[in-house]
Amino acid sequence: MRTFVEGLDEKMEGGVPKGHNVLVAGTAGTMKSTFCFSILYHNATHKKKHGVYITLEQSEDSLLKQMDAMGFRTNLITDELTFVDVSRIRGGLNDYGKSGAWVDFITEVVMEIHDFKPIDIIVFDSLGLIEVMTDMDNPRRDLFGMMNLFNKMGATSFMISEMTQGTMLFGRHDEDFLVDGIIHLRQHEVHDVDYENRL
């Protein structure tokens, strides 16, 4: 699965292997959501790949407006992009209860989408918000179960994780041990007041 990031696909011998789970980690402001949306966007426009964007907090409308402002023409990919806007259906998660039952809810939605139209790429935004939504007795088990399902579907997934400034922890629950690879986004100071994002 190509990322369409100049130089990155070449280093990965063409892109991310099909069905792999990738952690996209970085501190606030490193444009993790934009990076992942860009992968969905370019695969939709160039390869007609079906992407699913699972957002736990930001609404679909808000995210699309943000991406349009970044220069993406989101109206061109409506047939190839499906949103799972959990902020709209959070009441359903409450009905499912706690202790990781949210996994059942979200995966059921994803499987229904996949049955209707096979999914090529999944973006999960973000892992850090899960704890805000529900309590989990065994986060590693629950996350592994979800990632394993994505893998069995043959979908390549990008799991967004926000890092705490000043640490090198990619996730709160050893997510880096559950995934097949990590893309670390970081800000690099180039002048006193200027920064650029690097990976």
C-alpha atoms as a PDB file:
ATOM      1  CA  MET A   1       0.000   0.000   0.000  1.00  0.00           C
ATOM      2  CA  ARG A   2       1.692   3.198  -1.182  1.00  0.00           C
ATOM      3  CA  THR A   3       1.878   6.197   1.141  1.00  0.00           C
ATOM      4  CA  PHE A   4       2.594   8.599  -1.741  1.00  0.00           C
ATOM      5  CA  VAL A   5       5.154  10.315   0.500  1.00  0.00           C
ATOM      6  CA  GLU A   6       8.219  11.215  -1.540  1.00  0.00           C
ATOM      7  CA  GLY A   7      11.098   8.888  -0.679  1.00  0.00           C
ATOM      8  CA  LEU A   8       9.190   6.868   1.918  1.00  0.00           C
ATOM      9  CA  ASP A   9       7.694   4.265  -0.407  1.00  0.00           C
ATOM     10  CA  GLU A  10      11.093   3.658  -1.970  1.00  0.00           C
ATOM     11  CA  LYS A  11      12.602   3.000   1.449  1.00  0.00           C
ATOM     12  CA  MET A  12       9.797   0.521   2.171  1.00  0.00           C
ATOM     13  CA  GLU A  13      10.252  -1.229  -1.189  1.00  0.00           C
ATOM     14  CA  GLY A  14       7.012   0.103  -2.613  1.00  0.00           C
ATOM     15  CA  GLY A  15       4.943   0.889   0.452  1.00  0.00           C
ATOM     16  CA  VAL A  16       3.321  -0.762   3.463  1.00  0.00           C
ATOM     17  CA  PRO A  17       2.635  -4.493   2.921  1.00  0.00           C
ATOM     18  CA  LYS A  18      -1.033  -5.339   2.438  1.00  0.00           C
ATOM     19  CA  GLY A  19      -2.781  -6.241   5.686  1.00  0.00           C
ATOM     20  CA  HIS A  20      -0.137  -4.749   7.977  1.00  0.00           C
ATOM     21  CA  ASN A  21      -0.993  -2.598  10.996  1.00  0.00           C
ATOM     22  CA  VAL A  22       1.073   0.591  11.300  1.00  0.00           C
ATOM     23  CA  LEU A  23       1.290   2.901  14.313  1.00  0.00           C
ATOM     24  CA  VAL A  24       1.497   6.583  13.341  1.00  0.00           C
ATOM     25  CA  ALA A  25       2.850   8.311  16.440  1.00  0.00           C
ATOM     26  CA  GLY A  26       3.829  11.858  17.264  1.00  0.00           C
ATOM     27  CA  THR A  27       3.279  14.703  19.688  1.00  0.00           C
ATOM     28  CA  ALA A  28       0.480  17.247  19.245  1.00  0.00           C
ATOM     29  CA  GLY A  29       0.899  19.361  16.125  1.00  0.00           C
ATOM     30  CA  THR A  30       2.802  16.831  14.018  1.00  0.00           C
ATOM     31  CA  MET A  31      -0.149  16.474  11.604  1.00  0.00           C
ATOM     32  CA  LYS A  32      -0.797  12.796  12.202  1.00  0.00           C
ATOM     33  CA  SER A  33      -4.399  12.996  11.012  1.00  0.00           C
ATOM     34  CA  THR A  34      -3.403  14.925   7.890  1.00  0.00           C
ATOM     35  CA  PHE A  35      -0.644  12.420   7.126  1.00  0.00           C
ATOM     36  CA  CYS A  36      -3.044   9.478   7.363  1.00  0.00           C
ATOM     37  CA  PHE A  37      -5.802  11.232   5.438  1.00  0.00           C
ATOM     38  CA  SER A  38      -3.286  11.980   2.696  1.00  0.00           C
ATOM     39  CA  ILE A  39      -2.631   8.247   2.332  1.00  0.00           C
ATOM     40  CA  LEU A  40      -6.369   7.570   2.015  1.00  0.00           C
ATOM     41  CA  TYR A  41      -6.812  10.451  -0.405  1.00  0.00           C
ATOM     42  CA  HIS A  42      -4.022   9.570  -2.807  1.00  0.00           C
ATOM     43  CA  ASN A  43      -4.863   5.874  -2.834  1.00  0.00           C
ATOM     44  CA  ALA A  44      -8.474   6.786  -3.611  1.00  0.00           C
ATOM     45  CA  THR A  45      -7.624   9.213  -6.409  1.00  0.00           C
ATOM     46  CA  HIS A  46      -4.773   7.231  -7.991  1.00  0.00           C
ATOM     47  CA  LYS A  47      -5.650   3.609  -7.220  1.00  0.00           C
ATOM     48  CA  LYS A  48      -9.414   3.659  -6.511  1.00  0.00           C
ATOM     49  CA  LYS A  49      -8.733   2.076  -3.105  1.00  0.00           C
ATOM     50  CA  HIS A  50     -11.591   2.086  -0.602  1.00  0.00           C
ATOM     51  CA  GLY A  51     -10.589   3.744   2.664  1.00  0.00           C
ATOM     52  CA  VAL A  52     -12.386   3.915   6.010  1.00  0.00           C
ATOM     53  CA  TYR A  53     -11.608   6.733   8.444  1.00  0.00           C
ATOM     54  CA  ILE A  54     -12.678   5.975  12.025  1.00  0.00           C
ATOM     55  CA  THR A  55     -12.814   9.174  14.065  1.00  0.00           C
ATOM     56  CA  LEU A  56     -13.511   9.052  17.785  1.00  0.00           C
ATOM     57  CA  GLU A  57     -13.787  12.775  18.482  1.00  0.00           C
ATOM     58  CA  GLN A  58     -13.624  15.097  15.476  1.00  0.00           C
ATOM     59  CA  SER A  59     -16.788  15.048  13.388  1.00  0.00           C
ATOM     60  CA  GLU A  60     -16.800  14.039   9.740  1.00  0.00           C
ATOM     61  CA  ASP A  61     -17.830  17.541   8.637  1.00  0.00           C
ATOM     62  CA  SER A  62     -15.106  19.188  10.710  1.00  0.00           C
ATOM     63  CA  LEU A  63     -12.417  16.843   9.415  1.00  0.00           C
ATOM     64  CA  LEU A  64     -13.441  17.283   5.773  1.00  0.00           C
ATOM     65  CA  LYS A  65     -13.406  21.083   6.137  1.00  0.00           C
ATOM     66  CA  GLN A  66      -9.954  20.864   7.709  1.00  0.00           C
ATOM     67  CA  MET A  67      -8.652  18.695   4.866  1.00  0.00           C
ATOM     68  CA  ASP A  68     -10.196  20.952   2.219  1.00  0.00           C
ATOM     69  CA  ALA A  69      -8.354  23.863   3.842  1.00  0.00           C
ATOM     70  CA  MET A  70      -5.134  21.834   3.539  1.00  0.00           C
ATOM     71  CA  GLY A  71      -5.636  21.610  -0.220  1.00  0.00           C
ATOM     72  CA  PHE A  72      -7.316  18.218  -0.563  1.00  0.00           C
ATOM     73  CA  ARG A  73     -10.323  18.086  -2.897  1.00  0.00           C
ATOM     74  CA  THR A  74     -12.417  15.793  -0.751  1.00  0.00           C
ATOM     75  CA  ASN A  75     -15.401  15.979  -3.094  1.00  0.00           C
ATOM     76  CA  LEU A  76     -13.416  13.854  -5.555  1.00  0.00           C
ATOM     77  CA  ILE A  77     -13.246  10.796  -3.294  1.00  0.00           C
ATOM     78  CA  THR A  78     -16.743  10.482  -1.864  1.00  0.00           C
ATOM     79  CA  ASP A  79     -17.213   7.103  -3.579  1.00  0.00           C
ATOM     80  CA  GLU A  80     -13.964   5.699  -2.166  1.00  0.00           C
ATOM     81  CA  LEU A  81     -14.036   7.103   1.373  1.00  0.00           C
ATOM     82  CA  THR A  82     -16.283   5.960   4.218  1.00  0.00           C
ATOM     83  CA  PHE A  83     -16.385   7.677   7.610  1.00  0.00           C
ATOM     84  CA  VAL A  84     -17.201   6.016  10.909  1.00  0.00           C
ATOM     85  CA  ASP A  85     -18.017   9.042  13.053  1.00  0.00           C
ATOM     86  CA  VAL A  86     -18.083   7.600  16.569  1.00  0.00           C
ATOM     87  CA  SER A  87     -18.892  11.011  18.058  1.00  0.00           C
ATOM     88  CA  ARG A  88     -22.329  10.668  16.466  1.00  0.00           C
ATOM     89  CA  ILE A  89     -22.955   7.127  17.649  1.00  0.00           C
ATOM     90  CA  ARG A  90     -21.314   7.237  21.067  1.00  0.00           C
ATOM     91  CA  GLY A  91     -24.672   6.433  22.669  1.00  0.00           C
ATOM     92  CA  GLY A  92     -24.444   3.042  21.032  1.00  0.00           C
ATOM     93  CA  LEU A  93     -21.083   2.495  22.671  1.00  0.00           C
ATOM     94  CA  ASN A  94     -22.607   3.292  26.048  1.00  0.00           C
ATOM     95  CA  ASP A  95     -25.226   0.629  25.419  1.00  0.00           C
ATOM     96  CA  TYR A  96     -22.440  -1.868  24.853  1.00  0.00           C
ATOM     97  CA  GLY A  97     -20.981  -1.138  28.270  1.00  0.00           C
ATOM     98  CA  LYS A  98     -17.374  -1.054  29.352  1.00  0.00           C
ATOM     99  CA  SER A  99     -14.354  -3.348  29.543  1.00  0.00           C
ATOM    100  CA  GLY A 100     -13.530  -3.296  25.858  1.00  0.00           C
ATOM    101  CA  ALA A 101     -17.022  -3.915  24.464  1.00  0.00           C
ATOM    102  CA  TRP A 102     -16.452  -0.845  22.280  1.00  0.00           C
ATOM    103  CA  VAL A 103     -14.254  -3.148  20.162  1.00  0.00           C
ATOM    104  CA  ASP A 104     -17.291  -5.271  19.341  1.00  0.00           C
ATOM    105  CA  PHE A 105     -19.281  -2.190  18.393  1.00  0.00           C
ATOM    106  CA  ILE A 106     -16.661  -0.631  16.126  1.00  0.00           C
ATOM    107  CA  THR A 107     -15.591  -3.897  14.521  1.00  0.00           C
ATOM    108  CA  GLU A 108     -19.206  -4.795  13.761  1.00  0.00           C
ATOM    109  CA  VAL A 109     -19.613  -1.472  11.964  1.00  0.00           C
ATOM    110  CA  VAL A 110     -16.364  -2.007  10.049  1.00  0.00           C
ATOM    111  CA  MET A 111     -17.350  -5.557   9.069  1.00  0.00           C
ATOM    112  CA  GLU A 112     -20.708  -4.329   7.765  1.00  0.00           C
ATOM    113  CA  ILE A 113     -18.906  -1.760   5.620  1.00  0.00           C
ATOM    114  CA  HIS A 114     -16.440  -4.407   4.415  1.00  0.00           C
ATOM    115  CA  ASP A 115     -19.260  -6.785   3.461  1.00  0.00           C
ATOM    116  CA  PHE A 116     -20.883  -4.025   1.407  1.00  0.00           C
ATOM    117  CA  LYS A 117     -17.628  -2.822  -0.175  1.00  0.00           C
ATOM    118  CA  PRO A 118     -14.245  -4.442   0.602  1.00  0.00           C
ATOM    119  CA  ILE A 119     -11.953  -2.155   2.597  1.00  0.00           C
ATOM    120  CA  ASP A 120      -8.359  -1.555   1.502  1.00  0.00           C
ATOM    121  CA  ILE A 121      -7.204   1.009   4.088  1.00  0.00           C
ATOM    122  CA  ILE A 122      -8.328   1.888   7.609  1.00  0.00           C
ATOM    123  CA  VAL A 123      -7.333   4.932   9.661  1.00  0.00           C
ATOM    124  CA  PHE A 124      -8.121   4.793  13.392  1.00  0.00           C
ATOM    125  CA  ASP A 125      -8.023   8.263  14.984  1.00  0.00           C
ATOM    126  CA  SER A 126      -7.018   7.853  17.683  1.00  0.00           C
ATOM    127  CA  LEU A 127      -5.908   5.234  20.192  1.00  0.00           C
ATOM    128  CA  GLY A 128      -5.451   7.773  22.983  1.00  0.00           C
ATOM    129  CA  LEU A 129      -9.128   8.735  22.965  1.00  0.00           C
ATOM    130  CA  ILE A 130     -10.254   5.208  23.725  1.00  0.00           C
ATOM    131  CA  GLU A 131      -9.595   5.632  27.450  1.00  0.00           C
ATOM    132  CA  VAL A 132     -11.773   8.737  27.511  1.00  0.00           C
ATOM    133  CA  MET A 133     -14.677   6.832  26.006  1.00  0.00           C
ATOM    134  CA  THR A 134     -14.633   3.611  27.988  1.00  0.00           C
ATOM    135  CA  ASP A 135     -12.781   1.591  30.598  1.00  0.00           C
ATOM    136  CA  MET A 136     -10.846  -1.449  29.457  1.00  0.00           C
ATOM    137  CA  ASP A 137      -9.836  -4.351  31.668  1.00  0.00           C
ATOM    138  CA  ASN A 138      -7.201  -5.527  29.195  1.00  0.00           C
ATOM    139  CA  PRO A 139      -6.267  -2.817  26.657  1.00  0.00           C
ATOM    140  CA  ARG A 140      -3.572  -4.915  24.949  1.00  0.00           C
ATOM    141  CA  ARG A 141      -6.002  -7.769  24.347  1.00  0.00           C
ATOM    142  CA  ASP A 142      -8.728  -5.467  23.051  1.00  0.00           C
ATOM    143  CA  LEU A 143      -6.419  -3.564  20.722  1.00  0.00           C
ATOM    144  CA  PHE A 144      -4.854  -6.778  19.454  1.00  0.00           C
ATOM    145  CA  GLY A 145      -8.305  -8.178  18.725  1.00  0.00           C
ATOM    146  CA  MET A 146      -9.236  -5.164  16.639  1.00  0.00           C
ATOM    147  CA  MET A 147      -5.950  -5.107  14.744  1.00  0.00           C
ATOM    148  CA  ASN A 148      -6.174  -8.838  14.117  1.00  0.00           C
ATOM    149  CA  LEU A 149      -9.607  -8.373  12.562  1.00  0.00           C
ATOM    150  CA  PHE A 150      -8.298  -5.649  10.254  1.00  0.00           C
ATOM    151  CA  ASN A 151      -5.491  -7.996   9.243  1.00  0.00           C
ATOM    152  CA  LYS A 152      -7.880 -10.866   8.483  1.00  0.00           C
ATOM    153  CA  MET A 153      -9.932  -8.522   6.311  1.00  0.00           C
ATOM    154  CA  GLY A 154      -6.810  -7.813   4.281  1.00  0.00           C
ATOM    155  CA  ALA A 155      -6.979  -4.111   5.115  1.00  0.00           C
ATOM    156  CA  THR A 156      -3.859  -2.061   5.773  1.00  0.00           C
ATOM    157  CA  SER A 157      -4.429   0.012   8.908  1.00  0.00           C
ATOM    158  CA  PHE A 158      -2.875   3.182  10.274  1.00  0.00           C
ATOM    159  CA  MET A 159      -3.449   3.612  14.016  1.00  0.00           C
ATOM    160  CA  ILE A 160      -2.872   7.168  15.257  1.00  0.00           C
ATOM    161  CA  SER A 161      -1.257   7.586  18.676  1.00  0.00           C
ATOM    162  CA  GLU A 162      -0.436  10.894  20.360  1.00  0.00           C
ATOM    163  CA  MET A 163       2.857  10.922  22.217  1.00  0.00           C
ATOM    164  CA  THR A 164       3.610  12.956  25.335  1.00  0.00           C
ATOM    165  CA  GLN A 165       6.150  15.717  24.797  1.00  0.00           C
ATOM    166  CA  GLY A 166       9.607  14.758  26.036  1.00  0.00           C
ATOM    167  CA  THR A 167       9.085  10.993  25.998  1.00  0.00           C
ATOM    168  CA  MET A 168       9.742   8.219  23.494  1.00  0.00           C
ATOM    169  CA  LEU A 169       6.694   6.171  24.446  1.00  0.00           C
ATOM    170  CA  PHE A 170       4.688   5.507  21.289  1.00  0.00           C
ATOM    171  CA  GLY A 171       1.542   4.483  23.190  1.00  0.00           C
ATOM    172  CA  ARG A 172       0.082   3.926  26.634  1.00  0.00           C
ATOM    173  CA  HIS A 173      -0.458   0.196  26.312  1.00  0.00           C
ATOM    174  CA  ASP A 174       2.633  -1.046  24.445  1.00  0.00           C
ATOM    175  CA  GLU A 175       0.898  -0.552  21.112  1.00  0.00           C
ATOM    176  CA  ASP A 176       4.310  -0.561  19.450  1.00  0.00           C
ATOM    177  CA  PHE A 177       4.601  -4.267  20.293  1.00  0.00           C
ATOM    178  CA  LEU A 178       1.233  -5.043  18.674  1.00  0.00           C
ATOM    179  CA  VAL A 179       1.809  -3.441  15.283  1.00  0.00           C
ATOM    180  CA  ASP A 180       3.915  -4.438  12.298  1.00  0.00           C
ATOM    181  CA  GLY A 181       5.647  -1.078  12.002  1.00  0.00           C
ATOM    182  CA  ILE A 182       5.864   2.484  13.331  1.00  0.00           C
ATOM    183  CA  ILE A 183       5.898   5.810  11.521  1.00  0.00           C
ATOM    184  CA  HIS A 184       7.162   8.445  13.955  1.00  0.00           C
ATOM    185  CA  LEU A 185       6.268  12.033  13.078  1.00  0.00           C
ATOM    186  CA  ARG A 186       8.199  14.766  14.855  1.00  0.00           C
ATOM    187  CA  GLN A 187       8.845  18.486  14.668  1.00  0.00           C
ATOM    188  CA  HIS A 188      12.375  19.631  13.897  1.00  0.00           C
ATOM    189  CA  GLU A 189      13.530  23.153  14.703  1.00  0.00           C
ATOM    190  CA  VAL A 190      15.127  24.763  11.648  1.00  0.00           C
ATOM    191  CA  HIS A 191      15.243  28.347  12.954  1.00  0.00           C
ATOM    192  CA  ASP A 192      14.439  30.046  16.239  1.00  0.00           C
ATOM    193  CA  VAL A 193      10.729  30.195  15.436  1.00  0.00           C
ATOM    194  CA  ASP A 194      10.392  27.816  12.481  1.00  0.00           C
ATOM    195  CA  TYR A 195       9.717  24.100  12.606  1.00  0.00           C
ATOM    196  CA  GLU A 196       9.256  21.422   9.990  1.00  0.00           C
ATOM    197  CA  ASN A 197       7.647  18.021  10.340  1.00  0.00           C
ATOM    198  CA  ARG A 198       9.832  14.986   9.766  1.00  0.00           C
ATOM    199  CA  LEU A 199       9.390  11.232   9.902  1.00  0.00           C
END
